[in-house]
Amino acid sequence: MTPLQLSRLIADAAADKKARGIVRIDLREKSSIADYFVICEGDTDRQVRAITDSIVEAGKAKGIVPLRTAGYQEGSWVVLDYASVIVHVFLPGERSYYDLESLWKGPAKAGAATGNGSKKTPAKERARPTKKPVGPTRRRIRSA
């Protein structure tokens, strides 16, 4: 099974347990850690464990088991390592805190428009004000 097929299998298994915000990130051009990250979240620690169990069972049905599992007992952030695919199942607060999507997403390509209007235009460089000559200043003191 290719890493792409495995990432799709994992995403489908997570969706079966109503995982929210399922994202697959292609890491092949960015890192040698893995080929893909699959990131999703569950509303409670119980749902996070159910999503994890669903992913593991779907893999076992195809003869694939994770090399390592971490965080299952706590249930706030579970990591499954399938060598070429690393799975992160979060609680919503943990996911937003660590924000792996922002960390691993690629830079926007020049000339490529994003459909949601989130592309920022570079700020125009402002002209610096010229410095006034430094010299003695005369203050007029008014008497009452």
C-alpha atoms as a PDB file:
ATOM      1  CA  MET A   1       0.000   0.000   0.000  1.00  0.00           C
ATOM      2  CA  THR A   2       1.421   3.378  -0.965  1.00  0.00           C
ATOM      3  CA  PRO A   3       1.669   6.245   1.562  1.00  0.00           C
ATOM      4  CA  LEU A   4      -1.035   8.130  -0.353  1.00  0.00           C
ATOM      5  CA  GLN A   5      -3.414   5.166  -0.158  1.00  0.00           C
ATOM      6  CA  LEU A   6      -2.629   4.717   3.536  1.00  0.00           C
ATOM      7  CA  SER A   7      -3.313   8.392   4.259  1.00  0.00           C
ATOM      8  CA  ARG A   8      -6.675   8.089   2.483  1.00  0.00           C
ATOM      9  CA  LEU A   9      -7.538   4.927   4.429  1.00  0.00           C
ATOM     10  CA  ILE A  10      -6.700   6.705   7.692  1.00  0.00           C
ATOM     11  CA  ALA A  11      -8.729   9.788   6.771  1.00  0.00           C
ATOM     12  CA  ASP A  12     -11.731   7.602   5.863  1.00  0.00           C
ATOM     13  CA  ALA A  13     -11.465   5.641   9.129  1.00  0.00           C
ATOM     14  CA  ALA A  14     -11.353   8.914  11.096  1.00  0.00           C
ATOM     15  CA  ALA A  15     -14.392  10.219   9.202  1.00  0.00           C
ATOM     16  CA  ASP A  16     -16.301   7.044  10.137  1.00  0.00           C
ATOM     17  CA  LYS A  17     -16.029   8.110  13.791  1.00  0.00           C
ATOM     18  CA  LYS A  18     -17.112  11.695  13.024  1.00  0.00           C
ATOM     19  CA  ALA A  19     -13.654  13.244  13.325  1.00  0.00           C
ATOM     20  CA  ARG A  20     -13.683  16.939  12.547  1.00  0.00           C
ATOM     21  CA  GLY A  21     -11.260  18.972  10.466  1.00  0.00           C
ATOM     22  CA  ILE A  22      -9.518  16.083   8.752  1.00  0.00           C
ATOM     23  CA  VAL A  23      -6.435  17.362   6.940  1.00  0.00           C
ATOM     24  CA  ARG A  24      -3.816  15.471   4.955  1.00  0.00           C
ATOM     25  CA  ILE A  25      -0.513  17.296   4.536  1.00  0.00           C
ATOM     26  CA  ASP A  26       1.990  16.200   1.908  1.00  0.00           C
ATOM     27  CA  LEU A  27       5.469  16.342   3.462  1.00  0.00           C
ATOM     28  CA  ARG A  28       7.465  14.710   0.682  1.00  0.00           C
ATOM     29  CA  GLU A  29       9.081  17.972  -0.453  1.00  0.00           C
ATOM     30  CA  LYS A  30       9.462  19.382   3.078  1.00  0.00           C
ATOM     31  CA  SER A  31      10.851  16.683   5.350  1.00  0.00           C
ATOM     32  CA  SER A  32      12.177  13.160   5.564  1.00  0.00           C
ATOM     33  CA  ILE A  33      10.155  12.397   8.722  1.00  0.00           C
ATOM     34  CA  ALA A  34       7.236  11.008   6.747  1.00  0.00           C
ATOM     35  CA  ASP A  35       5.427  11.361   3.440  1.00  0.00           C
ATOM     36  CA  TYR A  36       2.107  12.516   4.936  1.00  0.00           C
ATOM     37  CA  PHE A  37       0.581  13.864   8.116  1.00  0.00           C
ATOM     38  CA  VAL A  38      -3.074  13.154   8.772  1.00  0.00           C
ATOM     39  CA  ILE A  39      -4.491  15.563  11.342  1.00  0.00           C
ATOM     40  CA  CYS A  40      -7.984  15.523  12.838  1.00  0.00           C
ATOM     41  CA  GLU A  41      -9.809  16.203  16.073  1.00  0.00           C
ATOM     42  CA  GLY A  42     -12.481  14.776  18.320  1.00  0.00           C
ATOM     43  CA  ASP A  43     -14.701  16.641  20.765  1.00  0.00           C
ATOM     44  CA  THR A  44     -13.821  14.589  23.850  1.00  0.00           C
ATOM     45  CA  ASP A  45     -11.012  12.326  24.993  1.00  0.00           C
ATOM     46  CA  ARG A  46     -13.364   9.382  24.535  1.00  0.00           C
ATOM     47  CA  GLN A  47     -13.989  10.356  20.904  1.00  0.00           C
ATOM     48  CA  VAL A  48     -10.251  10.864  20.334  1.00  0.00           C
ATOM     49  CA  ARG A  49      -9.670   7.289  21.509  1.00  0.00           C
ATOM     50  CA  ALA A  50     -12.558   5.994  19.353  1.00  0.00           C
ATOM     51  CA  ILE A  51     -11.103   7.713  16.281  1.00  0.00           C
ATOM     52  CA  THR A  52      -7.702   6.220  17.082  1.00  0.00           C
ATOM     53  CA  ASP A  53      -9.207   2.745  17.519  1.00  0.00           C
ATOM     54  CA  SER A  54     -11.022   3.072  14.192  1.00  0.00           C
ATOM     55  CA  ILE A  55      -7.799   4.028  12.413  1.00  0.00           C
ATOM     56  CA  VAL A  56      -5.860   1.147  13.970  1.00  0.00           C
ATOM     57  CA  GLU A  57      -8.602  -1.370  13.100  1.00  0.00           C
ATOM     58  CA  ALA A  58      -8.800  -0.154   9.495  1.00  0.00           C
ATOM     59  CA  GLY A  59      -5.038  -0.567   9.196  1.00  0.00           C
ATOM     60  CA  LYS A  60      -5.097  -4.043  10.749  1.00  0.00           C
ATOM     61  CA  ALA A  61      -7.741  -5.095   8.226  1.00  0.00           C
ATOM     62  CA  LYS A  62      -5.176  -4.279   5.507  1.00  0.00           C
ATOM     63  CA  GLY A  63      -2.306  -5.886   7.427  1.00  0.00           C
ATOM     64  CA  ILE A  64      -0.761  -2.616   8.588  1.00  0.00           C
ATOM     65  CA  VAL A  65      -0.082  -1.771  12.229  1.00  0.00           C
ATOM     66  CA  PRO A  66       1.444   1.419  13.673  1.00  0.00           C
ATOM     67  CA  LEU A  67       5.104   1.244  14.659  1.00  0.00           C
ATOM     68  CA  ARG A  68       4.437   3.395  17.742  1.00  0.00           C
ATOM     69  CA  THR A  69       1.453   4.896  19.515  1.00  0.00           C
ATOM     70  CA  ALA A  70       1.714   7.788  21.986  1.00  0.00           C
ATOM     71  CA  GLY A  71      -0.798   9.704  24.087  1.00  0.00           C
ATOM     72  CA  TYR A  72      -3.623   7.163  23.974  1.00  0.00           C
ATOM     73  CA  GLN A  73      -4.182   7.027  27.751  1.00  0.00           C
ATOM     74  CA  GLU A  74      -4.439  10.813  28.128  1.00  0.00           C
ATOM     75  CA  GLY A  75      -6.599  11.191  25.034  1.00  0.00           C
ATOM     76  CA  SER A  76      -5.794  14.833  24.361  1.00  0.00           C
ATOM     77  CA  TRP A  77      -3.264  14.247  21.561  1.00  0.00           C
ATOM     78  CA  VAL A  78      -2.727  10.770  20.142  1.00  0.00           C
ATOM     79  CA  VAL A  79       0.075  10.125  17.651  1.00  0.00           C
ATOM     80  CA  LEU A  80       0.187   7.019  15.462  1.00  0.00           C
ATOM     81  CA  ASP A  81       3.417   6.395  13.570  1.00  0.00           C
ATOM     82  CA  TYR A  82       3.016   4.351  10.397  1.00  0.00           C
ATOM     83  CA  ALA A  83       6.530   5.311   9.180  1.00  0.00           C
ATOM     84  CA  SER A  84       5.429   6.946   5.918  1.00  0.00           C
ATOM     85  CA  VAL A  85       2.266   8.429   7.481  1.00  0.00           C
ATOM     86  CA  ILE A  86       2.041  10.050  10.903  1.00  0.00           C
ATOM     87  CA  VAL A  87      -1.425  10.520  12.382  1.00  0.00           C
ATOM     88  CA  HIS A  88      -2.308  13.219  14.924  1.00  0.00           C
ATOM     89  CA  VAL A  89      -5.693  13.024  16.663  1.00  0.00           C
ATOM     90  CA  PHE A  90      -6.289  16.064  18.875  1.00  0.00           C
ATOM     91  CA  LEU A  91      -8.757  17.629  21.222  1.00  0.00           C
ATOM     92  CA  PRO A  92      -9.710  21.056  19.772  1.00  0.00           C
ATOM     93  CA  GLY A  93      -7.720  23.093  22.317  1.00  0.00           C
ATOM     94  CA  GLU A  94      -4.570  21.053  21.798  1.00  0.00           C
ATOM     95  CA  ARG A  95      -4.888  21.285  18.036  1.00  0.00           C
ATOM     96  CA  SER A  96      -5.178  25.055  18.013  1.00  0.00           C
ATOM     97  CA  TYR A  97      -2.321  25.407  20.526  1.00  0.00           C
ATOM     98  CA  TYR A  98       0.201  23.330  18.552  1.00  0.00           C
ATOM     99  CA  ASP A  99      -1.162  24.404  15.127  1.00  0.00           C
ATOM    100  CA  LEU A 100       0.695  21.784  13.094  1.00  0.00           C
ATOM    101  CA  GLU A 101      -1.087  22.811   9.898  1.00  0.00           C
ATOM    102  CA  SER A 102       0.534  26.251   9.933  1.00  0.00           C
ATOM    103  CA  LEU A 103       3.883  24.778  10.841  1.00  0.00           C
ATOM    104  CA  TRP A 104       3.970  22.255   7.994  1.00  0.00           C
ATOM    105  CA  LYS A 105       1.997  23.872   5.199  1.00  0.00           C
ATOM    106  CA  GLY A 106       4.059  25.054   2.287  1.00  0.00           C
ATOM    107  CA  PRO A 107       4.666  28.657   1.348  1.00  0.00           C
ATOM    108  CA  ALA A 108       2.191  30.159  -1.104  1.00  0.00           C
ATOM    109  CA  LYS A 109       3.413  29.952  -4.685  1.00  0.00           C
ATOM    110  CA  ALA A 110       3.993  33.232  -6.465  1.00  0.00           C
ATOM    111  CA  GLY A 111       1.049  34.162  -8.631  1.00  0.00           C
ATOM    112  CA  ALA A 112      -1.204  31.479  -7.174  1.00  0.00           C
ATOM    113  CA  ALA A 113      -4.387  32.901  -5.765  1.00  0.00           C
ATOM    114  CA  THR A 114      -6.034  31.346  -2.761  1.00  0.00           C
ATOM    115  CA  GLY A 115      -9.762  30.983  -3.117  1.00  0.00           C
ATOM    116  CA  ASN A 116     -10.647  32.409   0.274  1.00  0.00           C
ATOM    117  CA  GLY A 117      -8.947  35.776  -0.097  1.00  0.00           C
ATOM    118  CA  SER A 118      -6.448  35.076   2.658  1.00  0.00           C
ATOM    119  CA  LYS A 119      -3.418  36.013   0.573  1.00  0.00           C
ATOM    120  CA  LYS A 120      -1.775  39.009   2.142  1.00  0.00           C
ATOM    121  CA  THR A 121      -0.332  41.736   0.000  1.00  0.00           C
ATOM    122  CA  PRO A 122       3.028  43.080   1.069  1.00  0.00           C
ATOM    123  CA  ALA A 123       2.864  46.341   2.980  1.00  0.00           C
ATOM    124  CA  LYS A 124       4.169  49.314   1.088  1.00  0.00           C
ATOM    125  CA  GLU A 125       7.356  50.705   2.467  1.00  0.00           C
ATOM    126  CA  ARG A 126       6.725  54.080   3.967  1.00  0.00           C
ATOM    127  CA  ALA A 127       9.031  56.976   3.337  1.00  0.00           C
ATOM    128  CA  ARG A 128      10.949  57.882   6.438  1.00  0.00           C
ATOM    129  CA  PRO A 129      10.577  61.451   7.556  1.00  0.00           C
ATOM    130  CA  THR A 130      13.672  63.551   7.098  1.00  0.00           C
ATOM    131  CA  LYS A 131      15.414  64.418  10.294  1.00  0.00           C
ATOM    132  CA  LYS A 132      15.187  67.995  11.402  1.00  0.00           C
ATOM    133  CA  PRO A 133      18.463  69.707  12.084  1.00  0.00           C
ATOM    134  CA  VAL A 134      19.376  69.533  15.715  1.00  0.00           C
ATOM    135  CA  GLY A 135      20.195  72.894  17.201  1.00  0.00           C
ATOM    136  CA  PRO A 136      19.350  75.155  20.037  1.00  0.00           C
ATOM    137  CA  THR A 137      15.685  75.772  20.441  1.00  0.00           C
ATOM    138  CA  ARG A 138      14.202  78.974  21.726  1.00  0.00           C
ATOM    139  CA  ARG A 139      11.187  78.773  23.878  1.00  0.00           C
ATOM    140  CA  ARG A 140       9.169  81.758  24.509  1.00  0.00           C
ATOM    141  CA  ILE A 141       8.180  82.044  28.107  1.00  0.00           C
ATOM    142  CA  ARG A 142       5.016  83.886  28.757  1.00  0.00           C
ATOM    143  CA  SER A 143       4.650  85.739  31.966  1.00  0.00           C
ATOM    144  CA  ALA A 144       1.321  86.041  33.618  1.00  0.00           C
END
